[in-house]
Amino acid sequence: MRASVCQATSTTRTDRQSAIYAALLEGIEIYHVSVASFSGCPYAKGATGNVATKDVVYLLNGLGIETGVDLDQLV
């Protein structure tokens, strides 16, 4: 049996991409992202939203990781 782990990245600072990168280094492959960073977090006061999908795709593309998402069409 394989366990699935995912990460939802809502922070009160602008370090969402670094949190994604750190999780990636630990083997996490599933991330909850949002459109244009619209969302929030009921557990972190002041968290303005999850990391934007385009930012994660840009990060992963830069690392040479295939996402299957066309960044130009996404933007």
N, C-alpha and C. Protein backbone atom coordinates (compact mmCIF):
# COMPACT_ATOMS: atom_id res chain seq x y z
N MET A 1 0.84 -1.18 0.00
CA MET A 1 0.00 0.00 0.00
C MET A 1 0.89 1.24 0.00
N ARG A 2 0.56 2.17 -0.86
CA ARG A 2 1.34 3.41 -0.96
C ARG A 2 0.54 4.56 -0.39
N ALA A 3 1.15 5.31 0.49
CA ALA A 3 0.48 6.48 1.06
C ALA A 3 0.71 7.68 0.17
N SER A 4 -0.29 8.50 0.03
CA SER A 4 -0.16 9.73 -0.73
C SER A 4 -0.02 10.90 0.24
N VAL A 5 0.87 11.78 -0.08
CA VAL A 5 1.07 12.97 0.72
C VAL A 5 0.95 14.17 -0.20
N CYS A 6 0.25 15.19 0.24
CA CYS A 6 0.17 16.40 -0.54
C CYS A 6 0.44 17.59 0.36
N GLN A 7 0.66 18.73 -0.25
CA GLN A 7 0.96 19.94 0.50
C GLN A 7 0.04 21.05 0.04
N ALA A 8 -0.59 21.70 1.00
CA ALA A 8 -1.33 22.93 0.73
C ALA A 8 -0.47 24.06 1.27
N THR A 9 -0.16 25.01 0.42
CA THR A 9 0.81 26.04 0.79
C THR A 9 0.12 27.38 0.96
N SER A 10 -0.33 27.66 2.15
CA SER A 10 -0.84 28.98 2.51
C SER A 10 0.09 29.52 3.57
N THR A 11 0.68 30.64 3.31
CA THR A 11 1.57 31.24 4.30
C THR A 11 1.21 32.71 4.48
N THR A 12 1.67 33.27 5.54
CA THR A 12 1.44 34.69 5.79
C THR A 12 2.54 35.53 5.19
N ARG A 13 3.55 34.89 4.63
CA ARG A 13 4.63 35.59 3.96
C ARG A 13 4.64 35.18 2.50
N THR A 14 5.64 35.65 1.77
CA THR A 14 5.70 35.37 0.34
C THR A 14 6.70 34.25 0.04
N ASP A 15 6.77 33.26 0.89
CA ASP A 15 7.73 32.16 0.72
C ASP A 15 7.09 30.88 0.21
N ARG A 16 6.01 31.02 -0.52
CA ARG A 16 5.28 29.84 -0.97
C ARG A 16 6.12 28.97 -1.91
N GLN A 17 6.84 29.58 -2.85
CA GLN A 17 7.64 28.80 -3.78
C GLN A 17 8.77 28.07 -3.06
N SER A 18 9.38 28.70 -2.07
CA SER A 18 10.45 28.01 -1.34
C SER A 18 9.88 26.85 -0.53
N ALA A 19 8.66 26.98 -0.03
CA ALA A 19 8.02 25.88 0.69
C ALA A 19 7.73 24.72 -0.26
N ILE A 20 7.30 25.03 -1.48
CA ILE A 20 7.08 24.00 -2.50
C ILE A 20 8.39 23.30 -2.82
N TYR A 21 9.45 24.07 -3.00
CA TYR A 21 10.75 23.49 -3.33
C TYR A 21 11.26 22.58 -2.21
N ALA A 22 11.12 23.01 -0.99
CA ALA A 22 11.56 22.19 0.15
C ALA A 22 10.76 20.89 0.22
N ALA A 23 9.46 20.97 -0.02
CA ALA A 23 8.63 19.76 -0.02
C ALA A 23 9.01 18.84 -1.17
N LEU A 24 9.32 19.41 -2.31
CA LEU A 24 9.75 18.63 -3.46
C LEU A 24 11.02 17.84 -3.13
N LEU A 25 11.95 18.49 -2.45
CA LEU A 25 13.19 17.81 -2.05
C LEU A 25 12.93 16.65 -1.09
N GLU A 26 11.81 16.70 -0.38
CA GLU A 26 11.44 15.62 0.55
C GLU A 26 10.59 14.55 -0.12
N GLY A 27 10.32 14.71 -1.41
CA GLY A 27 9.59 13.68 -2.14
C GLY A 27 8.11 13.91 -2.31
N ILE A 28 7.60 15.03 -1.85
CA ILE A 28 6.17 15.33 -2.04
C ILE A 28 5.95 15.73 -3.49
N GLU A 29 4.95 15.11 -4.11
CA GLU A 29 4.71 15.31 -5.53
C GLU A 29 3.35 15.93 -5.85
N ILE A 30 2.51 16.12 -4.86
CA ILE A 30 1.18 16.66 -5.09
C ILE A 30 1.05 17.96 -4.29
N TYR A 31 0.62 19.02 -4.96
CA TYR A 31 0.51 20.33 -4.33
C TYR A 31 -0.86 20.93 -4.59
N HIS A 32 -1.43 21.54 -3.59
CA HIS A 32 -2.68 22.27 -3.76
C HIS A 32 -2.30 23.70 -4.14
N VAL A 33 -2.79 24.13 -5.28
CA VAL A 33 -2.49 25.47 -5.76
C VAL A 33 -3.81 26.17 -6.06
N SER A 34 -3.73 27.43 -6.42
CA SER A 34 -4.96 28.17 -6.68
C SER A 34 -4.80 29.01 -7.94
N VAL A 35 -5.91 29.47 -8.44
CA VAL A 35 -5.91 30.36 -9.59
C VAL A 35 -5.68 31.78 -9.08
N ALA A 36 -4.60 32.40 -9.53
CA ALA A 36 -4.26 33.78 -9.19
C ALA A 36 -4.12 34.00 -7.68
N SER A 37 -3.78 32.96 -6.95
CA SER A 37 -3.57 33.02 -5.50
C SER A 37 -4.83 33.34 -4.71
N PHE A 38 -6.01 33.16 -5.32
CA PHE A 38 -7.24 33.42 -4.59
C PHE A 38 -7.58 32.23 -3.72
N SER A 39 -7.58 32.42 -2.47
CA SER A 39 -8.01 31.44 -1.47
C SER A 39 -7.61 31.99 -0.13
N GLY A 40 -7.48 31.17 0.81
CA GLY A 40 -7.09 31.60 2.14
C GLY A 40 -6.89 30.39 3.00
N CYS A 41 -6.64 30.61 4.25
CA CYS A 41 -6.44 29.50 5.16
C CYS A 41 -7.11 29.83 6.49
N PRO A 42 -8.04 28.99 6.92
CA PRO A 42 -8.72 29.27 8.18
C PRO A 42 -7.82 29.06 9.41
N TYR A 43 -6.67 28.45 9.22
CA TYR A 43 -5.80 28.11 10.34
C TYR A 43 -4.64 29.09 10.53
N ALA A 44 -4.32 29.88 9.51
CA ALA A 44 -3.20 30.81 9.60
C ALA A 44 -3.73 32.23 9.40
N LYS A 45 -3.90 32.93 10.49
CA LYS A 45 -4.42 34.29 10.42
C LYS A 45 -3.51 35.15 9.54
N GLY A 46 -4.10 35.81 8.59
CA GLY A 46 -3.34 36.67 7.69
C GLY A 46 -2.86 35.99 6.43
N ALA A 47 -3.08 34.68 6.32
CA ALA A 47 -2.68 33.97 5.10
C ALA A 47 -3.58 34.44 3.97
N THR A 48 -2.98 34.99 2.95
CA THR A 48 -3.76 35.59 1.88
C THR A 48 -4.17 34.61 0.79
N GLY A 49 -3.57 33.45 0.75
CA GLY A 49 -3.97 32.48 -0.26
C GLY A 49 -2.88 31.49 -0.57
N ASN A 50 -3.26 30.48 -1.32
CA ASN A 50 -2.31 29.46 -1.75
C ASN A 50 -1.43 29.99 -2.86
N VAL A 51 -0.37 29.27 -3.14
CA VAL A 51 0.53 29.64 -4.23
C VAL A 51 -0.23 29.54 -5.55
N ALA A 52 0.06 30.47 -6.45
CA ALA A 52 -0.61 30.48 -7.75
C ALA A 52 -0.10 29.34 -8.62
N THR A 53 -0.99 28.73 -9.38
CA THR A 53 -0.64 27.63 -10.27
C THR A 53 0.50 28.00 -11.20
N LYS A 54 0.44 29.19 -11.78
CA LYS A 54 1.48 29.61 -12.73
C LYS A 54 2.86 29.67 -12.07
N ASP A 55 2.90 30.05 -10.80
CA ASP A 55 4.19 30.13 -10.10
C ASP A 55 4.79 28.74 -9.87
N VAL A 56 3.93 27.77 -9.57
CA VAL A 56 4.42 26.40 -9.37
C VAL A 56 4.88 25.80 -10.69
N VAL A 57 4.12 26.01 -11.75
CA VAL A 57 4.50 25.49 -13.06
C VAL A 57 5.83 26.12 -13.50
N TYR A 58 5.98 27.41 -13.29
CA TYR A 58 7.23 28.09 -13.64
C TYR A 58 8.40 27.51 -12.85
N LEU A 59 8.22 27.30 -11.57
CA LEU A 59 9.27 26.72 -10.72
C LEU A 59 9.65 25.32 -11.21
N LEU A 60 8.66 24.48 -11.42
CA LEU A 60 8.93 23.11 -11.84
C LEU A 60 9.58 23.06 -13.22
N ASN A 61 9.11 23.90 -14.14
CA ASN A 61 9.74 23.96 -15.47
C ASN A 61 11.20 24.36 -15.34
N GLY A 62 11.47 25.33 -14.49
CA GLY A 62 12.84 25.79 -14.28
C GLY A 62 13.75 24.71 -13.71
N LEU A 63 13.15 23.79 -12.98
CA LEU A 63 13.91 22.67 -12.40
C LEU A 63 13.99 21.48 -13.36
N GLY A 64 13.39 21.63 -14.54
CA GLY A 64 13.42 20.55 -15.53
C GLY A 64 12.42 19.46 -15.25
N ILE A 65 11.39 19.75 -14.46
CA ILE A 65 10.37 18.76 -14.13
C ILE A 65 9.17 18.97 -15.05
N GLU A 66 8.79 17.93 -15.77
CA GLU A 66 7.69 17.99 -16.71
C GLU A 66 6.37 18.00 -15.95
N THR A 67 5.52 18.96 -16.26
CA THR A 67 4.22 19.07 -15.61
C THR A 67 3.05 18.72 -16.53
N GLY A 68 3.30 18.81 -17.84
CA GLY A 68 2.20 18.58 -18.77
C GLY A 68 1.33 19.81 -18.93
N VAL A 69 1.70 20.91 -18.28
CA VAL A 69 0.92 22.15 -18.34
C VAL A 69 1.67 23.13 -19.24
N ASP A 70 0.96 23.71 -20.20
CA ASP A 70 1.54 24.71 -21.08
C ASP A 70 1.49 26.05 -20.35
N LEU A 71 2.64 26.55 -19.89
CA LEU A 71 2.68 27.78 -19.11
C LEU A 71 2.13 28.97 -19.88
N ASP A 72 2.44 29.05 -21.17
CA ASP A 72 1.94 30.17 -21.98
C ASP A 72 0.41 30.18 -22.04
N GLN A 73 -0.19 29.01 -22.22
CA GLN A 73 -1.65 28.94 -22.25
C GLN A 73 -2.23 29.18 -20.88
N LEU A 74 -1.55 28.75 -19.84
CA LEU A 74 -2.04 28.96 -18.47
C LEU A 74 -2.10 30.43 -18.14
N VAL A 75 -1.04 31.15 -18.52
CA VAL A 75 -0.98 32.58 -18.21
C VAL A 75 -1.97 33.31 -19.08
